[in-house]
Amino acid sequence: MRKYYLSLIIGFVFATSTQAQDTEVPMREASLVEVATVDALIKTLYDVISGPAGQRRNWNKFRSLFRPEARLNSIGKGADGKAKLTTMTQEDYIRNVGPMFDEKGFFEKEIGRSAEKYGNMVHVFSAYETRFVVDGKVEVRGINSIQLVQKDGRFWILNIMWNPETPDNPIPEKYLKK
């Protein structure tokens, strides 16, 4: 059950080890440079959710990465041991994890990626690891499935679905390569 709740707060991948300890974060939206390429958007996504305890996340920037109709989906195990899907809007996600991120540190780092592009759509499988302290113990690993669309001169997130790694469901080696 702990891993399920932890997987809810994980969400994504990428953390920087040079985040400032300042509690004030400018609440601006993402710049065009931060959403112009798949790499830039993925990096921005993970940077915006990562940070030390006491650092407020820039939720305006987070919101600006998504299309209005986008959803975030967590797959975990319920108390009965069966797969449980939790679907959220961006606002649901912020409400669910925001206070926890403010109270505890939360850092995600991408440890591998596979991407496919066709026309204006992109599907990214991004393997991640999560820590509560930037150089601390790895708490959870898993895969984020991120669907993007290229529209209006930038990339947008349409959907994110994540599934934590378990002993009976390890991350396949092919997703651990960058």
C-alpha atoms as a PDB file:
ATOM      1  CA  MET A   1       0.000   0.000   0.000  1.00  0.00           C
ATOM      2  CA  ARG A   2       2.898   2.353   0.818  1.00  0.00           C
ATOM      3  CA  LYS A   3       4.289   1.893  -2.690  1.00  0.00           C
ATOM      4  CA  TYR A   4       0.878   2.670  -4.175  1.00  0.00           C
ATOM      5  CA  TYR A   5       0.648   5.982  -2.333  1.00  0.00           C
ATOM      6  CA  LEU A   6       4.259   6.715  -3.107  1.00  0.00           C
ATOM      7  CA  SER A   7       3.565   5.987  -6.766  1.00  0.00           C
ATOM      8  CA  LEU A   8       0.776   8.576  -6.669  1.00  0.00           C
ATOM      9  CA  ILE A   9       3.217  11.284  -5.677  1.00  0.00           C
ATOM     10  CA  ILE A  10       5.862  10.201  -8.117  1.00  0.00           C
ATOM     11  CA  GLY A  11       4.322  11.033 -11.358  1.00  0.00           C
ATOM     12  CA  PHE A  12       7.223  11.752 -13.539  1.00  0.00           C
ATOM     13  CA  VAL A  13      10.875  11.574 -14.020  1.00  0.00           C
ATOM     14  CA  PHE A  14      13.766  14.094 -13.888  1.00  0.00           C
ATOM     15  CA  ALA A  15      15.306  15.964 -10.991  1.00  0.00           C
ATOM     16  CA  THR A  16      18.190  18.354 -10.847  1.00  0.00           C
ATOM     17  CA  SER A  17      20.795  18.127  -8.159  1.00  0.00           C
ATOM     18  CA  THR A  18      21.382  21.873  -8.160  1.00  0.00           C
ATOM     19  CA  GLN A  19      17.967  23.089  -7.013  1.00  0.00           C
ATOM     20  CA  ALA A  20      18.164  26.158  -4.771  1.00  0.00           C
ATOM     21  CA  GLN A  21      16.966  25.882  -1.174  1.00  0.00           C
ATOM     22  CA  ASP A  22      14.933  29.082  -1.579  1.00  0.00           C
ATOM     23  CA  THR A  23      11.269  28.696  -0.643  1.00  0.00           C
ATOM     24  CA  GLU A  24      10.072  31.336  -3.112  1.00  0.00           C
ATOM     25  CA  VAL A  25       9.520  30.212  -6.691  1.00  0.00           C
ATOM     26  CA  PRO A  26       8.529  32.623  -9.465  1.00  0.00           C
ATOM     27  CA  MET A  27       5.070  31.539 -10.611  1.00  0.00           C
ATOM     28  CA  ARG A  28       5.515  32.047 -14.340  1.00  0.00           C
ATOM     29  CA  GLU A  29       4.385  29.761 -17.128  1.00  0.00           C
ATOM     30  CA  ALA A  30       6.788  27.712 -19.218  1.00  0.00           C
ATOM     31  CA  SER A  31       8.756  29.626 -21.831  1.00  0.00           C
ATOM     32  CA  LEU A  32       8.627  28.605 -25.492  1.00  0.00           C
ATOM     33  CA  VAL A  33      12.165  27.203 -25.162  1.00  0.00           C
ATOM     34  CA  GLU A  34      10.945  24.884 -22.362  1.00  0.00           C
ATOM     35  CA  VAL A  35       8.245  23.341 -24.599  1.00  0.00           C
ATOM     36  CA  ALA A  36       9.821  23.621 -28.079  1.00  0.00           C
ATOM     37  CA  THR A  37      11.231  20.071 -28.143  1.00  0.00           C
ATOM     38  CA  VAL A  38      10.368  16.734 -26.562  1.00  0.00           C
ATOM     39  CA  ASP A  39      13.606  16.782 -24.538  1.00  0.00           C
ATOM     40  CA  ALA A  40      12.946  20.309 -23.281  1.00  0.00           C
ATOM     41  CA  LEU A  41       9.349  19.549 -22.283  1.00  0.00           C
ATOM     42  CA  ILE A  42      10.274  16.324 -20.456  1.00  0.00           C
ATOM     43  CA  LYS A  43      13.117  18.080 -18.609  1.00  0.00           C
ATOM     44  CA  THR A  44      10.831  20.979 -17.656  1.00  0.00           C
ATOM     45  CA  LEU A  45       8.133  18.609 -16.430  1.00  0.00           C
ATOM     46  CA  TYR A  46      10.475  16.799 -14.068  1.00  0.00           C
ATOM     47  CA  ASP A  47      12.289  19.933 -12.953  1.00  0.00           C
ATOM     48  CA  VAL A  48       9.022  21.600 -11.951  1.00  0.00           C
ATOM     49  CA  ILE A  49       7.895  18.763  -9.655  1.00  0.00           C
ATOM     50  CA  SER A  50      11.332  18.182  -8.095  1.00  0.00           C
ATOM     51  CA  GLY A  51      12.787  20.099  -5.192  1.00  0.00           C
ATOM     52  CA  PRO A  52      13.791  20.076  -1.538  1.00  0.00           C
ATOM     53  CA  ALA A  53      11.469  20.185   1.456  1.00  0.00           C
ATOM     54  CA  GLY A  54      10.107  23.680   1.962  1.00  0.00           C
ATOM     55  CA  GLN A  55      10.394  24.697  -1.687  1.00  0.00           C
ATOM     56  CA  ARG A  56       7.040  25.534  -3.189  1.00  0.00           C
ATOM     57  CA  ARG A  57       6.605  24.123  -6.692  1.00  0.00           C
ATOM     58  CA  ASN A  58       5.761  26.359  -9.639  1.00  0.00           C
ATOM     59  CA  TRP A  59       2.293  24.984 -10.347  1.00  0.00           C
ATOM     60  CA  ASN A  60       1.583  27.682 -12.957  1.00  0.00           C
ATOM     61  CA  LYS A  61       4.463  26.342 -15.029  1.00  0.00           C
ATOM     62  CA  PHE A  62       3.260  22.767 -14.403  1.00  0.00           C
ATOM     63  CA  ARG A  63      -0.243  23.629 -15.664  1.00  0.00           C
ATOM     64  CA  SER A  64       1.150  25.343 -18.774  1.00  0.00           C
ATOM     65  CA  LEU A  65       2.776  22.099 -19.948  1.00  0.00           C
ATOM     66  CA  PHE A  66      -0.592  20.355 -20.396  1.00  0.00           C
ATOM     67  CA  ARG A  67      -3.512  20.640 -22.796  1.00  0.00           C
ATOM     68  CA  PRO A  68      -6.675  21.525 -20.829  1.00  0.00           C
ATOM     69  CA  GLU A  69      -8.150  18.059 -21.438  1.00  0.00           C
ATOM     70  CA  ALA A  70      -5.011  16.216 -20.267  1.00  0.00           C
ATOM     71  CA  ARG A  71      -5.110  13.553 -17.555  1.00  0.00           C
ATOM     72  CA  LEU A  72      -2.603  12.027 -15.151  1.00  0.00           C
ATOM     73  CA  ASN A  73      -3.040   8.333 -14.335  1.00  0.00           C
ATOM     74  CA  SER A  74      -1.404   6.284 -11.609  1.00  0.00           C
ATOM     75  CA  ILE A  75      -1.391   2.500 -11.723  1.00  0.00           C
ATOM     76  CA  GLY A  76      -0.697   0.770  -8.438  1.00  0.00           C
ATOM     77  CA  LYS A  77      -1.994  -2.026  -6.268  1.00  0.00           C
ATOM     78  CA  GLY A  78      -5.040  -1.597  -4.099  1.00  0.00           C
ATOM     79  CA  ALA A  79      -5.450  -3.063  -0.603  1.00  0.00           C
ATOM     80  CA  ASP A  80      -6.832  -6.214  -2.244  1.00  0.00           C
ATOM     81  CA  GLY A  81      -3.609  -6.670  -4.246  1.00  0.00           C
ATOM     82  CA  LYS A  82      -5.341  -6.004  -7.561  1.00  0.00           C
ATOM     83  CA  ALA A  83      -4.371  -3.289 -10.019  1.00  0.00           C
ATOM     84  CA  LYS A  84      -5.824   0.091  -9.128  1.00  0.00           C
ATOM     85  CA  LEU A  85      -6.068   3.011 -11.562  1.00  0.00           C
ATOM     86  CA  THR A  86      -6.353   6.565 -10.263  1.00  0.00           C
ATOM     87  CA  THR A  87      -7.131   9.240 -12.885  1.00  0.00           C
ATOM     88  CA  MET A  88      -6.573  12.927 -12.127  1.00  0.00           C
ATOM     89  CA  THR A  89      -6.780  16.344 -13.721  1.00  0.00           C
ATOM     90  CA  GLN A  90      -3.827  18.664 -13.214  1.00  0.00           C
ATOM     91  CA  GLU A  91      -5.717  20.330 -10.351  1.00  0.00           C
ATOM     92  CA  ASP A  92      -6.410  16.954  -8.697  1.00  0.00           C
ATOM     93  CA  TYR A  93      -2.718  16.101  -8.915  1.00  0.00           C
ATOM     94  CA  ILE A  94      -1.676  19.446  -7.416  1.00  0.00           C
ATOM     95  CA  ARG A  95      -4.172  19.034  -4.556  1.00  0.00           C
ATOM     96  CA  ASN A  96      -3.033  15.456  -3.908  1.00  0.00           C
ATOM     97  CA  VAL A  97       0.733  15.948  -3.972  1.00  0.00           C
ATOM     98  CA  GLY A  98       1.337  19.682  -3.479  1.00  0.00           C
ATOM     99  CA  PRO A  99       1.272  19.680   0.331  1.00  0.00           C
ATOM    100  CA  MET A 100       3.426  16.537   0.472  1.00  0.00           C
ATOM    101  CA  PHE A 101       5.971  18.043  -1.924  1.00  0.00           C
ATOM    102  CA  ASP A 102       6.100  21.199   0.236  1.00  0.00           C
ATOM    103  CA  GLU A 103       6.602  19.145   3.409  1.00  0.00           C
ATOM    104  CA  LYS A 104       9.040  16.533   2.096  1.00  0.00           C
ATOM    105  CA  GLY A 105      11.698  16.738  -0.520  1.00  0.00           C
ATOM    106  CA  PHE A 106      10.856  15.035  -3.796  1.00  0.00           C
ATOM    107  CA  PHE A 107      13.295  14.400  -6.620  1.00  0.00           C
ATOM    108  CA  GLU A 108      12.799  12.363  -9.772  1.00  0.00           C
ATOM    109  CA  LYS A 109      15.501  11.421 -12.212  1.00  0.00           C
ATOM    110  CA  GLU A 110      15.101   9.862 -15.622  1.00  0.00           C
ATOM    111  CA  ILE A 111      17.157   6.665 -15.890  1.00  0.00           C
ATOM    112  CA  GLY A 112      16.172   5.670 -19.424  1.00  0.00           C
ATOM    113  CA  ARG A 113      13.913   6.628 -22.304  1.00  0.00           C
ATOM    114  CA  SER A 114      12.292   5.258 -25.430  1.00  0.00           C
ATOM    115  CA  ALA A 115      10.313   7.544 -27.757  1.00  0.00           C
ATOM    116  CA  GLU A 116       8.300   7.103 -30.943  1.00  0.00           C
ATOM    117  CA  LYS A 117       7.102   9.974 -33.151  1.00  0.00           C
ATOM    118  CA  TYR A 118       4.568   9.897 -35.945  1.00  0.00           C
ATOM    119  CA  GLY A 119       3.375  13.149 -37.491  1.00  0.00           C
ATOM    120  CA  ASN A 120       2.486  15.462 -34.631  1.00  0.00           C
ATOM    121  CA  MET A 121       2.172  12.798 -31.938  1.00  0.00           C
ATOM    122  CA  VAL A 122       4.889  11.438 -29.679  1.00  0.00           C
ATOM    123  CA  HIS A 123       4.819   8.585 -27.173  1.00  0.00           C
ATOM    124  CA  VAL A 124       7.574   8.541 -24.546  1.00  0.00           C
ATOM    125  CA  PHE A 125       8.339   5.665 -22.165  1.00  0.00           C
ATOM    126  CA  SER A 126      10.490   7.242 -19.480  1.00  0.00           C
ATOM    127  CA  ALA A 127      12.023   5.091 -16.742  1.00  0.00           C
ATOM    128  CA  TYR A 128      12.477   6.982 -13.473  1.00  0.00           C
ATOM    129  CA  GLU A 129      13.767   6.779  -9.951  1.00  0.00           C
ATOM    130  CA  THR A 130      12.450   8.830  -7.040  1.00  0.00           C
ATOM    131  CA  ARG A 131      14.211  10.113  -3.927  1.00  0.00           C
ATOM    132  CA  PHE A 132      13.107  12.319  -1.035  1.00  0.00           C
ATOM    133  CA  VAL A 133      16.591  13.870  -0.744  1.00  0.00           C
ATOM    134  CA  VAL A 134      18.575  14.733  -3.859  1.00  0.00           C
ATOM    135  CA  ASP A 135      21.384  12.263  -3.075  1.00  0.00           C
ATOM    136  CA  GLY A 136      19.288  10.003  -0.837  1.00  0.00           C
ATOM    137  CA  LYS A 137      18.119   6.435  -1.136  1.00  0.00           C
ATOM    138  CA  VAL A 138      16.085   5.498  -4.219  1.00  0.00           C
ATOM    139  CA  GLU A 139      12.533   5.035  -2.910  1.00  0.00           C
ATOM    140  CA  VAL A 140      10.749   3.914  -6.070  1.00  0.00           C
ATOM    141  CA  ARG A 141      11.497   3.211  -9.718  1.00  0.00           C
ATOM    142  CA  GLY A 142       9.029   2.806 -12.533  1.00  0.00           C
ATOM    143  CA  ILE A 143       7.948   3.924 -15.990  1.00  0.00           C
ATOM    144  CA  ASN A 144       6.073   7.042 -17.041  1.00  0.00           C
ATOM    145  CA  SER A 145       4.122   6.701 -20.281  1.00  0.00           C
ATOM    146  CA  ILE A 146       3.789  10.233 -21.666  1.00  0.00           C
ATOM    147  CA  GLN A 147       1.729  11.141 -24.729  1.00  0.00           C
ATOM    148  CA  LEU A 148       2.536  14.458 -26.407  1.00  0.00           C
ATOM    149  CA  VAL A 149       1.117  16.449 -29.282  1.00  0.00           C
ATOM    150  CA  GLN A 150       2.966  19.066 -31.340  1.00  0.00           C
ATOM    151  CA  LYS A 151       0.574  21.963 -31.910  1.00  0.00           C
ATOM    152  CA  ASP A 152       0.827  25.739 -32.169  1.00  0.00           C
ATOM    153  CA  GLY A 153       4.627  25.680 -32.446  1.00  0.00           C
ATOM    154  CA  ARG A 154       5.238  23.691 -29.256  1.00  0.00           C
ATOM    155  CA  PHE A 155       4.741  20.329 -27.552  1.00  0.00           C
ATOM    156  CA  TRP A 156       1.877  19.690 -25.103  1.00  0.00           C
ATOM    157  CA  ILE A 157       1.250  16.846 -22.670  1.00  0.00           C
ATOM    158  CA  LEU A 158      -2.021  15.031 -23.417  1.00  0.00           C
ATOM    159  CA  ASN A 159      -1.648  12.157 -20.969  1.00  0.00           C
ATOM    160  CA  ILE A 160       0.727  10.750 -18.388  1.00  0.00           C
ATOM    161  CA  MET A 161       0.355   7.282 -16.944  1.00  0.00           C
ATOM    162  CA  TRP A 162       2.850   5.801 -14.503  1.00  0.00           C
ATOM    163  CA  ASN A 163       3.420   2.380 -13.035  1.00  0.00           C
ATOM    164  CA  PRO A 164       5.938   1.700 -10.259  1.00  0.00           C
ATOM    165  CA  GLU A 165       8.378  -1.166 -10.515  1.00  0.00           C
ATOM    166  CA  THR A 166       7.703  -4.202  -8.316  1.00  0.00           C
ATOM    167  CA  PRO A 167       9.660  -7.418  -7.759  1.00  0.00           C
ATOM    168  CA  ASP A 168       7.268  -9.256 -10.079  1.00  0.00           C
ATOM    169  CA  ASN A 169       7.220  -6.397 -12.614  1.00  0.00           C
ATOM    170  CA  PRO A 170      10.803  -5.095 -13.076  1.00  0.00           C
ATOM    171  CA  ILE A 171      11.600  -2.377 -15.588  1.00  0.00           C
ATOM    172  CA  PRO A 172      12.617  -4.058 -18.877  1.00  0.00           C
ATOM    173  CA  GLU A 173      16.269  -3.455 -19.731  1.00  0.00           C
ATOM    174  CA  LYS A 174      15.352  -1.813 -23.063  1.00  0.00           C
ATOM    175  CA  TYR A 175      13.752   1.107 -21.168  1.00  0.00           C
ATOM    176  CA  LEU A 176      16.831   1.713 -19.036  1.00  0.00           C
ATOM    177  CA  LYS A 177      18.860   2.972 -22.022  1.00  0.00           C
ATOM    178  CA  LYS A 178      19.099   6.640 -22.911  1.00  0.00           C
END
